[in-house]
């Protein structure tokens, strides 16, 4: 048979304040720092859109940018006009 004191002590052990989550003000700054602007070197389809050679630059996550650059589809340096 359990008493009320045992239930209170179990409830006291679980503290919702100890759960760490990112605050809304921190989340956008972390996401923004992981974006890289790339410019297409050749025409290709990316994320359901056709990216044209010589087209405008667009922001993608760093890992995706690395894949595009390695495949020589895009560059992270602005094109010379």
N, C-alpha and C. Protein backbone atom coordinates (compact mmCIF):
# COMPACT_ATOMS: atom_id res chain seq x y z
N UNK A 1 0.86 -1.18 0.00
CA UNK A 1 0.00 0.00 0.00
C UNK A 1 0.90 1.23 0.00
N UNK A 2 0.63 2.17 -0.89
CA UNK A 2 1.47 3.36 -0.97
C UNK A 2 0.81 4.51 -0.22
N UNK A 3 1.65 5.34 0.30
CA UNK A 3 1.14 6.50 1.03
C UNK A 3 1.28 7.73 0.16
N UNK A 4 0.71 8.78 0.56
CA UNK A 4 0.78 10.04 -0.18
C UNK A 4 2.20 10.59 -0.23
N UNK A 5 3.01 10.31 0.80
CA UNK A 5 4.38 10.80 0.83
C UNK A 5 5.23 10.18 -0.28
N UNK A 6 5.03 8.89 -0.58
CA UNK A 6 5.79 8.22 -1.62
C UNK A 6 5.46 8.82 -2.98
N UNK A 7 4.22 9.10 -3.23
CA UNK A 7 3.79 9.69 -4.50
C UNK A 7 4.40 11.08 -4.67
N UNK A 8 4.45 11.85 -3.61
CA UNK A 8 5.02 13.19 -3.68
C UNK A 8 6.52 13.12 -3.96
N UNK A 9 7.22 12.17 -3.36
CA UNK A 9 8.66 12.09 -3.57
C UNK A 9 8.97 11.66 -5.00
N UNK A 10 8.15 10.77 -5.57
CA UNK A 10 8.35 10.36 -6.96
C UNK A 10 8.09 11.54 -7.90
N UNK A 11 7.08 12.30 -7.62
CA UNK A 11 6.76 13.46 -8.45
C UNK A 11 7.84 14.52 -8.33
N UNK A 12 8.46 14.62 -7.18
CA UNK A 12 9.50 15.62 -6.97
C UNK A 12 10.76 15.27 -7.77
N UNK A 13 10.99 13.98 -8.03
CA UNK A 13 12.18 13.57 -8.78
C UNK A 13 12.11 13.98 -10.25
N UNK A 14 10.93 14.02 -10.81
CA UNK A 14 10.75 14.39 -12.21
C UNK A 14 10.48 15.89 -12.27
N UNK A 15 11.46 16.61 -12.81
CA UNK A 15 11.32 18.05 -12.88
C UNK A 15 11.30 18.51 -14.33
N UNK A 16 10.21 19.11 -14.79
CA UNK A 16 10.14 19.57 -16.18
C UNK A 16 11.11 20.73 -16.45
N UNK A 17 11.60 21.37 -15.41
CA UNK A 17 12.52 22.49 -15.60
C UNK A 17 13.90 22.03 -16.06
N UNK A 18 14.23 20.76 -15.81
CA UNK A 18 15.55 20.26 -16.18
C UNK A 18 15.64 19.87 -17.66
N UNK A 19 14.54 19.83 -18.37
CA UNK A 19 14.55 19.50 -19.78
C UNK A 19 15.04 20.73 -20.54
N UNK A 20 16.14 20.54 -21.28
CA UNK A 20 16.73 21.67 -22.00
C UNK A 20 16.20 21.70 -23.42
N UNK A 21 15.68 22.83 -23.82
CA UNK A 21 15.22 23.02 -25.18
C UNK A 21 15.75 24.36 -25.67
N UNK A 22 15.86 24.48 -26.97
CA UNK A 22 16.33 25.74 -27.55
C UNK A 22 15.21 26.76 -27.46
N UNK A 23 15.56 27.95 -27.07
CA UNK A 23 14.56 29.00 -27.02
C UNK A 23 14.29 29.48 -28.44
N UNK A 24 13.13 30.02 -28.70
CA UNK A 24 12.82 30.48 -30.05
C UNK A 24 13.81 31.52 -30.58
N UNK A 25 14.39 32.32 -29.70
CA UNK A 25 15.33 33.34 -30.16
C UNK A 25 16.66 32.72 -30.58
N UNK A 26 17.02 31.54 -30.03
CA UNK A 26 18.28 30.89 -30.39
C UNK A 26 18.15 30.10 -31.69
N UNK A 27 17.02 29.49 -31.94
CA UNK A 27 16.84 28.60 -33.07
C UNK A 27 17.08 29.29 -34.43
N UNK A 28 16.51 30.45 -34.72
CA UNK A 28 16.75 31.06 -36.02
C UNK A 28 18.22 31.44 -36.25
N UNK A 29 18.92 31.89 -35.22
CA UNK A 29 20.30 32.28 -35.42
C UNK A 29 21.16 31.08 -35.75
N UNK A 30 20.87 29.91 -35.17
CA UNK A 30 21.61 28.70 -35.48
C UNK A 30 21.31 28.25 -36.90
N UNK A 31 20.06 28.33 -37.32
CA UNK A 31 19.69 27.90 -38.66
C UNK A 31 20.30 28.83 -39.71
N UNK A 32 20.31 30.11 -39.45
CA UNK A 32 20.85 31.07 -40.40
C UNK A 32 22.34 30.87 -40.61
N UNK A 33 23.07 30.52 -39.58
CA UNK A 33 24.51 30.36 -39.71
C UNK A 33 24.87 29.12 -40.50
N UNK A 34 23.96 28.18 -40.65
CA UNK A 34 24.23 26.95 -41.38
C UNK A 34 23.82 27.04 -42.85
N UNK A 35 23.33 28.18 -43.30
CA UNK A 35 22.93 28.36 -44.69
C UNK A 35 24.09 28.98 -45.48
N UNK A 36 24.23 28.50 -46.71
CA UNK A 36 25.27 29.00 -47.61
C UNK A 36 24.60 29.42 -48.91
N UNK A 37 25.03 30.53 -49.47
CA UNK A 37 24.49 30.96 -50.75
C UNK A 37 25.32 30.35 -51.87
N UNK A 38 24.63 29.74 -52.83
CA UNK A 38 25.31 29.12 -53.97
C UNK A 38 24.74 29.67 -55.27
N UNK A 39 25.56 29.61 -56.33
CA UNK A 39 25.17 30.06 -57.65
C UNK A 39 25.34 28.89 -58.61
N UNK A 40 24.31 28.60 -59.44
CA UNK A 40 24.39 27.46 -60.36
C UNK A 40 25.45 27.66 -61.45
N UNK A 41 26.26 26.62 -61.68
CA UNK A 41 27.23 26.62 -62.78
C UNK A 41 26.66 25.93 -64.01
N UNK A 42 25.72 25.00 -63.78
CA UNK A 42 25.02 24.29 -64.84
C UNK A 42 23.55 24.25 -64.47
N UNK A 43 22.69 23.95 -65.42
CA UNK A 43 21.26 23.81 -65.13
C UNK A 43 21.02 22.46 -64.48
N UNK A 44 20.24 22.46 -63.41
CA UNK A 44 19.90 21.23 -62.70
C UNK A 44 18.63 21.45 -61.89
N UNK A 45 18.03 20.34 -61.48
CA UNK A 45 16.83 20.41 -60.66
C UNK A 45 17.23 20.24 -59.21
N UNK A 46 16.80 21.16 -58.36
CA UNK A 46 17.12 21.11 -56.94
C UNK A 46 15.88 21.45 -56.15
N UNK A 47 15.49 20.56 -55.26
CA UNK A 47 14.34 20.75 -54.38
C UNK A 47 13.08 21.06 -55.18
N UNK A 48 12.91 20.37 -56.32
CA UNK A 48 11.71 20.53 -57.13
C UNK A 48 11.71 21.73 -58.06
N UNK A 49 12.79 22.48 -58.10
CA UNK A 49 12.88 23.65 -58.97
C UNK A 49 14.06 23.50 -59.92
N UNK A 50 13.93 24.04 -61.12
CA UNK A 50 15.04 24.03 -62.07
C UNK A 50 15.92 25.24 -61.77
N UNK A 51 17.18 24.98 -61.52
CA UNK A 51 18.16 26.04 -61.29
C UNK A 51 18.94 26.20 -62.59
N UNK A 52 18.92 27.38 -63.15
CA UNK A 52 19.54 27.63 -64.45
C UNK A 52 20.97 28.13 -64.32
N UNK A 53 21.82 27.70 -65.26
CA UNK A 53 23.21 28.17 -65.30
C UNK A 53 23.21 29.69 -65.39
N UNK A 54 24.02 30.32 -64.56
CA UNK A 54 24.10 31.78 -64.57
C UNK A 54 22.93 32.45 -63.86
N UNK A 55 22.06 31.66 -63.23
CA UNK A 55 20.89 32.21 -62.55
C UNK A 55 21.26 32.84 -61.21
N UNK A 56 20.27 33.37 -60.53
CA UNK A 56 20.54 34.03 -59.24
C UNK A 56 20.97 33.03 -58.17
N UNK A 57 21.70 33.51 -57.20
CA UNK A 57 22.11 32.67 -56.09
C UNK A 57 20.95 32.39 -55.16
N UNK A 58 21.06 31.32 -54.43
CA UNK A 58 20.02 30.97 -53.46
C UNK A 58 20.66 30.28 -52.27
N UNK A 59 19.99 30.33 -51.13
CA UNK A 59 20.53 29.80 -49.88
C UNK A 59 20.11 28.34 -49.69
N UNK A 60 21.09 27.51 -49.31
CA UNK A 60 20.86 26.10 -49.02
C UNK A 60 21.63 25.73 -47.76
N UNK A 61 21.25 24.65 -47.09
CA UNK A 61 22.03 24.19 -45.94
C UNK A 61 23.47 23.86 -46.34
N UNK A 62 24.40 24.02 -45.41
CA UNK A 62 25.83 23.84 -45.68
C UNK A 62 26.15 22.48 -46.30
N UNK A 63 25.60 21.40 -45.77
CA UNK A 63 25.90 20.07 -46.31
C UNK A 63 25.40 19.92 -47.74
N UNK A 64 24.24 20.46 -48.04
CA UNK A 64 23.72 20.38 -49.41
C UNK A 64 24.58 21.22 -50.34
N UNK A 65 25.03 22.36 -49.88
CA UNK A 65 25.92 23.20 -50.68
C UNK A 65 27.22 22.45 -50.99
N UNK A 66 27.76 21.75 -50.01
CA UNK A 66 28.98 20.97 -50.23
C UNK A 66 28.76 19.90 -51.30
N UNK A 67 27.60 19.26 -51.29
CA UNK A 67 27.29 18.25 -52.30
C UNK A 67 27.21 18.87 -53.70
N UNK A 68 26.55 20.02 -53.81
CA UNK A 68 26.43 20.69 -55.10
C UNK A 68 27.78 21.14 -55.63
N UNK A 69 28.63 21.65 -54.75
CA UNK A 69 29.96 22.13 -55.14
C UNK A 69 30.84 20.95 -55.56
N UNK A 70 30.78 19.84 -54.82
CA UNK A 70 31.57 18.66 -55.14
C UNK A 70 31.16 18.09 -56.50
N UNK A 71 29.88 18.13 -56.82
CA UNK A 71 29.38 17.63 -58.10
C UNK A 71 29.59 18.66 -59.21
N UNK A 72 30.18 19.79 -58.90
CA UNK A 72 30.44 20.89 -59.84
C UNK A 72 29.17 21.41 -60.50
N UNK A 73 28.09 21.42 -59.74
CA UNK A 73 26.84 21.98 -60.21
C UNK A 73 26.69 23.44 -59.81
N UNK A 74 27.33 23.82 -58.70
CA UNK A 74 27.19 25.16 -58.16
C UNK A 74 28.51 25.60 -57.56
N UNK A 75 28.58 26.89 -57.26
CA UNK A 75 29.75 27.46 -56.60
C UNK A 75 29.30 28.35 -55.45
N UNK A 76 30.16 28.49 -54.46
CA UNK A 76 29.83 29.38 -53.36
C UNK A 76 30.43 30.78 -53.54
N UNK A 77 31.08 30.99 -54.67
CA UNK A 77 31.66 32.30 -54.99
C UNK A 77 30.76 33.02 -56.00
N UNK A 78 30.48 34.29 -55.79
CA UNK A 78 29.62 35.02 -56.74
C UNK A 78 30.27 35.04 -58.14
N UNK A 79 29.47 34.85 -59.18
CA UNK A 79 30.02 34.84 -60.54
C UNK A 79 30.49 36.24 -60.95
N UNK A 80 31.49 36.25 -61.80
CA UNK A 80 31.99 37.54 -62.32
C UNK A 80 31.05 38.04 -63.40
N UNK A 81 30.68 39.30 -63.32
CA UNK A 81 29.73 39.88 -64.28
C UNK A 81 30.38 40.28 -65.57
